[in-house]
Amino acid sequence: LGYLVSHRAKSKVRAWFNALAMEETIARGRDAAHQLGVQAVILGGAGLAGMAAAIQSDVPVPVIDSVTAGTHWALRTPPLPPARSSPGFDIAWQGLSSEMRALAPTPAD
C-alpha cells in the first residue's frame, strides 16, 4: 500500500484483499465442516474476530468466533461457593503421617 497515494486507491486495495481473505476463510470452513465428525468450526485468532457471523450462512455447521467466545467465558459470573459453617477443608484428612496430622487444623468444638 506504500505505492498508492490516494485514500480511495488504498481503500479499494484493502477491500480487495479483505474479500480474498473472506473467500479463503469460507472455503476452509466448508472443507473443515465436511470432515467426518466435525460439529463446529472455530475461527482462532484476533485477525479473524468478527468474521464468524459473516461466513456462517456459507458453512453448514456452527461457526464460533474464538475471541467472542473467550470474552463471554471470561466475563461470565461464576457461581458463589456455598457458605461455610466453620473454616477448613471439605474433605477428610486421611493417610497422613503423624507429622502431617499435627499440622492439620482441628475442627472447632
N, C-alpha and C. Protein backbone atom coordinates (compact mmCIF):
# COMPACT_ATOMS: atom_id res chain seq x y z
N LEU A 1 0.81 -1.20 0.00
CA LEU A 1 0.00 0.00 0.00
C LEU A 1 0.85 1.27 0.00
N GLY A 2 2.15 1.11 0.16
CA GLY A 2 3.03 2.27 0.17
C GLY A 2 3.14 2.95 -1.20
N TYR A 3 2.82 2.21 -2.28
CA TYR A 3 2.90 2.76 -3.63
C TYR A 3 1.68 3.59 -3.98
N LEU A 4 0.60 3.38 -3.26
CA LEU A 4 -0.63 4.10 -3.56
C LEU A 4 -0.65 5.43 -2.84
N VAL A 5 -1.18 6.43 -3.52
CA VAL A 5 -1.17 7.77 -2.96
C VAL A 5 -2.52 8.15 -2.38
N SER A 6 -3.58 7.94 -3.12
CA SER A 6 -4.88 8.43 -2.67
C SER A 6 -5.52 7.48 -1.66
N HIS A 7 -6.31 8.05 -0.82
CA HIS A 7 -7.04 7.27 0.18
C HIS A 7 -8.01 6.30 -0.49
N ARG A 8 -8.62 6.75 -1.59
CA ARG A 8 -9.58 5.92 -2.32
C ARG A 8 -8.90 4.68 -2.89
N ALA A 9 -7.73 4.85 -3.46
CA ALA A 9 -6.99 3.72 -4.04
C ALA A 9 -6.60 2.72 -2.95
N LYS A 10 -6.13 3.23 -1.83
CA LYS A 10 -5.76 2.35 -0.71
C LYS A 10 -6.97 1.58 -0.19
N SER A 11 -8.11 2.24 -0.12
CA SER A 11 -9.34 1.59 0.35
C SER A 11 -9.76 0.48 -0.59
N LYS A 12 -9.64 0.72 -1.90
CA LYS A 12 -10.02 -0.31 -2.88
C LYS A 12 -9.12 -1.53 -2.77
N VAL A 13 -7.83 -1.32 -2.61
CA VAL A 13 -6.90 -2.44 -2.48
C VAL A 13 -7.17 -3.21 -1.19
N ARG A 14 -7.41 -2.51 -0.10
CA ARG A 14 -7.74 -3.18 1.17
C ARG A 14 -9.02 -4.01 1.03
N ALA A 15 -10.03 -3.45 0.39
CA ALA A 15 -11.29 -4.15 0.18
C ALA A 15 -11.08 -5.41 -0.65
N TRP A 16 -10.21 -5.33 -1.66
CA TRP A 16 -9.93 -6.49 -2.49
C TRP A 16 -9.26 -7.59 -1.67
N PHE A 17 -8.26 -7.21 -0.86
CA PHE A 17 -7.58 -8.20 0.00
C PHE A 17 -8.54 -8.78 1.04
N ASN A 18 -9.40 -7.96 1.60
CA ASN A 18 -10.38 -8.45 2.57
C ASN A 18 -11.35 -9.44 1.94
N ALA A 19 -11.80 -9.15 0.71
CA ALA A 19 -12.71 -10.07 0.01
C ALA A 19 -12.00 -11.39 -0.30
N LEU A 20 -10.74 -11.30 -0.67
CA LEU A 20 -9.95 -12.50 -0.94
C LEU A 20 -9.81 -13.35 0.33
N ALA A 21 -9.53 -12.70 1.45
CA ALA A 21 -9.40 -13.40 2.73
C ALA A 21 -10.74 -14.02 3.14
N MET A 22 -11.84 -13.33 2.89
CA MET A 22 -13.16 -13.85 3.23
C MET A 22 -13.46 -15.11 2.42
N GLU A 23 -13.17 -15.08 1.11
CA GLU A 23 -13.39 -16.25 0.27
C GLU A 23 -12.56 -17.44 0.75
N GLU A 24 -11.32 -17.19 1.10
CA GLU A 24 -10.43 -18.25 1.59
C GLU A 24 -10.94 -18.83 2.90
N THR A 25 -11.41 -17.98 3.80
CA THR A 25 -11.94 -18.44 5.08
C THR A 25 -13.20 -19.27 4.89
N ILE A 26 -14.06 -18.85 3.99
CA ILE A 26 -15.28 -19.62 3.70
C ILE A 26 -14.92 -20.99 3.15
N ALA A 27 -13.98 -21.03 2.21
CA ALA A 27 -13.57 -22.31 1.61
C ALA A 27 -12.98 -23.24 2.66
N ARG A 28 -12.14 -22.72 3.52
CA ARG A 28 -11.55 -23.56 4.58
C ARG A 28 -12.60 -24.01 5.59
N GLY A 29 -13.56 -23.15 5.88
CA GLY A 29 -14.64 -23.53 6.79
C GLY A 29 -15.49 -24.65 6.22
N ARG A 30 -15.80 -24.55 4.93
CA ARG A 30 -16.56 -25.62 4.27
C ARG A 30 -15.78 -26.92 4.27
N ASP A 31 -14.48 -26.84 3.94
CA ASP A 31 -13.65 -28.05 3.93
C ASP A 31 -13.62 -28.70 5.31
N ALA A 32 -13.47 -27.89 6.34
CA ALA A 32 -13.43 -28.42 7.71
C ALA A 32 -14.77 -29.03 8.09
N ALA A 33 -15.86 -28.42 7.67
CA ALA A 33 -17.19 -28.90 8.02
C ALA A 33 -17.50 -30.25 7.37
N HIS A 34 -16.87 -30.55 6.26
CA HIS A 34 -17.14 -31.82 5.56
C HIS A 34 -16.29 -32.98 6.07
N GLN A 35 -15.42 -32.74 7.02
CA GLN A 35 -14.65 -33.83 7.60
C GLN A 35 -15.53 -34.62 8.56
N LEU A 36 -15.27 -35.89 8.66
CA LEU A 36 -16.08 -36.79 9.47
C LEU A 36 -16.10 -36.35 10.94
N GLY A 37 -17.28 -36.18 11.48
CA GLY A 37 -17.45 -35.89 12.90
C GLY A 37 -17.37 -34.43 13.30
N VAL A 38 -17.10 -33.54 12.37
CA VAL A 38 -16.99 -32.12 12.71
C VAL A 38 -18.39 -31.57 13.02
N GLN A 39 -18.51 -30.96 14.19
CA GLN A 39 -19.79 -30.41 14.60
C GLN A 39 -19.78 -28.89 14.67
N ALA A 40 -18.59 -28.28 14.59
CA ALA A 40 -18.47 -26.82 14.60
C ALA A 40 -17.10 -26.44 14.05
N VAL A 41 -17.00 -25.22 13.57
CA VAL A 41 -15.73 -24.66 13.11
C VAL A 41 -15.41 -23.49 14.02
N ILE A 42 -14.19 -23.49 14.57
CA ILE A 42 -13.77 -22.41 15.46
C ILE A 42 -12.73 -21.56 14.73
N LEU A 43 -13.03 -20.28 14.58
CA LEU A 43 -12.08 -19.36 13.97
C LEU A 43 -11.16 -18.84 15.07
N GLY A 44 -9.89 -19.18 14.98
CA GLY A 44 -8.94 -18.81 16.03
C GLY A 44 -8.10 -17.61 15.66
N GLY A 45 -7.88 -16.74 16.61
CA GLY A 45 -7.01 -15.60 16.40
C GLY A 45 -7.75 -14.29 16.25
N ALA A 46 -7.14 -13.24 16.73
CA ALA A 46 -7.77 -11.93 16.70
C ALA A 46 -7.97 -11.41 15.28
N GLY A 47 -7.15 -11.87 14.33
CA GLY A 47 -7.31 -11.43 12.95
C GLY A 47 -8.62 -11.88 12.33
N LEU A 48 -9.22 -12.94 12.87
CA LEU A 48 -10.49 -13.45 12.35
C LEU A 48 -11.67 -13.02 13.21
N ALA A 49 -11.44 -12.18 14.20
CA ALA A 49 -12.51 -11.74 15.10
C ALA A 49 -13.61 -11.05 14.31
N GLY A 50 -14.84 -11.44 14.57
CA GLY A 50 -15.99 -10.85 13.92
C GLY A 50 -16.35 -11.48 12.58
N MET A 51 -15.52 -12.37 12.07
CA MET A 51 -15.78 -12.96 10.76
C MET A 51 -16.77 -14.13 10.84
N ALA A 52 -16.96 -14.73 12.00
CA ALA A 52 -17.85 -15.89 12.13
C ALA A 52 -19.26 -15.57 11.67
N ALA A 53 -19.77 -14.43 12.06
CA ALA A 53 -21.13 -14.05 11.66
C ALA A 53 -21.22 -13.84 10.16
N ALA A 54 -20.16 -13.35 9.55
CA ALA A 54 -20.18 -13.06 8.12
C ALA A 54 -20.15 -14.33 7.27
N ILE A 55 -19.52 -15.41 7.76
CA ILE A 55 -19.43 -16.62 6.95
C ILE A 55 -20.39 -17.72 7.39
N GLN A 56 -21.12 -17.51 8.47
CA GLN A 56 -21.99 -18.57 9.00
C GLN A 56 -22.96 -19.10 7.95
N SER A 57 -23.52 -18.24 7.13
CA SER A 57 -24.51 -18.69 6.14
C SER A 57 -23.88 -19.56 5.06
N ASP A 58 -22.56 -19.52 4.90
CA ASP A 58 -21.88 -20.29 3.86
C ASP A 58 -21.26 -21.59 4.38
N VAL A 59 -21.30 -21.82 5.69
CA VAL A 59 -20.70 -23.01 6.30
C VAL A 59 -21.82 -23.81 6.96
N PRO A 60 -21.91 -25.13 6.67
CA PRO A 60 -23.06 -25.92 7.13
C PRO A 60 -23.06 -26.33 8.61
N VAL A 61 -22.07 -25.93 9.38
CA VAL A 61 -22.04 -26.21 10.82
C VAL A 61 -21.88 -24.88 11.55
N PRO A 62 -22.13 -24.84 12.86
CA PRO A 62 -21.93 -23.59 13.60
C PRO A 62 -20.49 -23.09 13.49
N VAL A 63 -20.33 -21.80 13.32
CA VAL A 63 -19.00 -21.17 13.25
C VAL A 63 -18.84 -20.35 14.52
N ILE A 64 -17.77 -20.62 15.26
CA ILE A 64 -17.54 -19.98 16.55
C ILE A 64 -16.37 -19.01 16.44
N ASP A 65 -16.58 -17.80 16.87
CA ASP A 65 -15.53 -16.79 16.93
C ASP A 65 -14.80 -16.97 18.25
N SER A 66 -13.53 -17.37 18.21
CA SER A 66 -12.81 -17.67 19.45
C SER A 66 -12.63 -16.44 20.34
N VAL A 67 -12.49 -15.27 19.75
CA VAL A 67 -12.31 -14.05 20.54
C VAL A 67 -13.60 -13.74 21.31
N THR A 68 -14.73 -13.80 20.61
CA THR A 68 -16.01 -13.53 21.26
C THR A 68 -16.32 -14.60 22.31
N ALA A 69 -16.08 -15.87 21.96
CA ALA A 69 -16.34 -16.95 22.92
C ALA A 69 -15.47 -16.80 24.16
N GLY A 70 -14.20 -16.48 23.97
CA GLY A 70 -13.30 -16.29 25.10
C GLY A 70 -13.70 -15.11 25.97
N THR A 71 -14.17 -14.05 25.34
CA THR A 71 -14.63 -12.88 26.08
C THR A 71 -15.85 -13.21 26.91
N HIS A 72 -16.80 -13.91 26.30
CA HIS A 72 -18.00 -14.31 27.05
C HIS A 72 -17.63 -15.22 28.22
N TRP A 73 -16.70 -16.14 27.99
CA TRP A 73 -16.28 -17.06 29.05
C TRP A 73 -15.61 -16.29 30.19
N ALA A 74 -14.76 -15.35 29.85
CA ALA A 74 -14.03 -14.58 30.88
C ALA A 74 -14.95 -13.67 31.68
N LEU A 75 -16.01 -13.17 31.04
CA LEU A 75 -16.90 -12.22 31.71
C LEU A 75 -18.10 -12.87 32.40
N ARG A 76 -18.20 -14.19 32.29
CA ARG A 76 -19.34 -14.86 32.93
C ARG A 76 -19.21 -14.73 34.44
N THR A 77 -20.32 -14.77 35.10
CA THR A 77 -20.31 -14.67 36.56
C THR A 77 -20.26 -16.07 37.14
N PRO A 78 -19.17 -16.41 37.82
CA PRO A 78 -19.09 -17.75 38.40
C PRO A 78 -20.05 -17.88 39.58
N PRO A 79 -20.54 -19.08 39.83
CA PRO A 79 -21.42 -19.25 40.98
C PRO A 79 -20.66 -19.03 42.28
N LEU A 80 -21.36 -18.51 43.27
CA LEU A 80 -20.74 -18.29 44.57
C LEU A 80 -20.57 -19.63 45.28
N PRO A 81 -19.48 -19.81 46.00
CA PRO A 81 -19.30 -21.06 46.74
C PRO A 81 -20.29 -21.12 47.90
N PRO A 82 -20.63 -22.33 48.34
CA PRO A 82 -21.57 -22.42 49.46
C PRO A 82 -20.96 -21.81 50.73
N ALA A 83 -21.82 -21.29 51.58
CA ALA A 83 -21.35 -20.69 52.84
C ALA A 83 -20.80 -21.79 53.74
N ARG A 84 -19.76 -21.48 54.47
CA ARG A 84 -19.13 -22.44 55.38
C ARG A 84 -19.58 -22.14 56.81
N SER A 85 -19.84 -23.21 57.54
CA SER A 85 -20.20 -23.02 58.94
C SER A 85 -18.95 -22.83 59.79
N SER A 86 -17.84 -23.38 59.32
CA SER A 86 -16.57 -23.21 60.03
C SER A 86 -15.44 -23.25 59.01
N PRO A 87 -14.32 -22.61 59.32
CA PRO A 87 -13.20 -22.63 58.37
C PRO A 87 -12.60 -24.02 58.28
N GLY A 88 -11.94 -24.31 57.16
CA GLY A 88 -11.29 -25.60 57.00
C GLY A 88 -11.51 -26.17 55.62
N PHE A 89 -11.29 -27.47 55.52
CA PHE A 89 -11.41 -28.15 54.24
C PHE A 89 -12.67 -29.00 54.24
N ASP A 90 -13.18 -29.26 53.04
CA ASP A 90 -14.40 -30.05 52.90
C ASP A 90 -14.12 -31.55 52.80
N ILE A 91 -12.86 -31.94 52.79
CA ILE A 91 -12.54 -33.36 52.71
C ILE A 91 -11.81 -33.80 53.97
N ALA A 92 -11.94 -35.08 54.26
CA ALA A 92 -11.27 -35.60 55.46
C ALA A 92 -9.78 -35.77 55.18
N TRP A 93 -8.98 -35.56 56.21
CA TRP A 93 -7.53 -35.75 56.12
C TRP A 93 -7.26 -37.22 56.40
N GLN A 94 -6.89 -37.97 55.38
CA GLN A 94 -6.66 -39.40 55.54
C GLN A 94 -5.28 -39.77 54.99
N GLY A 95 -4.70 -40.80 55.57
CA GLY A 95 -3.43 -41.32 55.07
C GLY A 95 -2.26 -40.40 55.30
N LEU A 96 -2.32 -39.56 56.32
CA LEU A 96 -1.23 -38.63 56.59
C LEU A 96 -0.32 -39.19 57.68
N SER A 97 0.93 -38.85 57.59
CA SER A 97 1.87 -39.24 58.65
C SER A 97 1.51 -38.47 59.91
N SER A 98 2.04 -38.93 61.03
CA SER A 98 1.74 -38.24 62.30
C SER A 98 2.25 -36.80 62.27
N GLU A 99 3.37 -36.55 61.58
CA GLU A 99 3.90 -35.19 61.49
C GLU A 99 2.94 -34.29 60.71
N MET A 100 2.42 -34.81 59.61
CA MET A 100 1.48 -34.01 58.82
C MET A 100 0.16 -33.83 59.56
N ARG A 101 -0.28 -34.87 60.28
CA ARG A 101 -1.52 -34.79 61.03
C ARG A 101 -1.42 -33.71 62.12
N ALA A 102 -0.22 -33.54 62.66
CA ALA A 102 -0.01 -32.49 63.69
C ALA A 102 -0.19 -31.10 63.09
N LEU A 103 0.05 -30.95 61.80
CA LEU A 103 -0.09 -29.64 61.15
C LEU A 103 -1.53 -29.37 60.72
N ALA A 104 -2.34 -30.42 60.62
CA ALA A 104 -3.72 -30.27 60.13
C ALA A 104 -4.55 -29.50 61.15
N PRO A 105 -5.42 -28.62 60.67
CA PRO A 105 -6.28 -27.90 61.61
C PRO A 105 -7.29 -28.85 62.26
N THR A 106 -7.59 -28.58 63.50
CA THR A 106 -8.57 -29.41 64.20
C THR A 106 -9.92 -28.72 64.13
N PRO A 107 -10.99 -29.48 63.96
CA PRO A 107 -12.31 -28.84 63.87
C PRO A 107 -12.66 -28.18 65.19
N ALA A 108 -13.34 -27.04 65.06
CA ALA A 108 -13.77 -26.31 66.26
C ALA A 108 -14.91 -27.06 66.93
N ASP A 109 -14.89 -27.08 68.25
CA ASP A 109 -15.96 -27.76 69.00
C ASP A 109 -17.14 -26.84 69.17
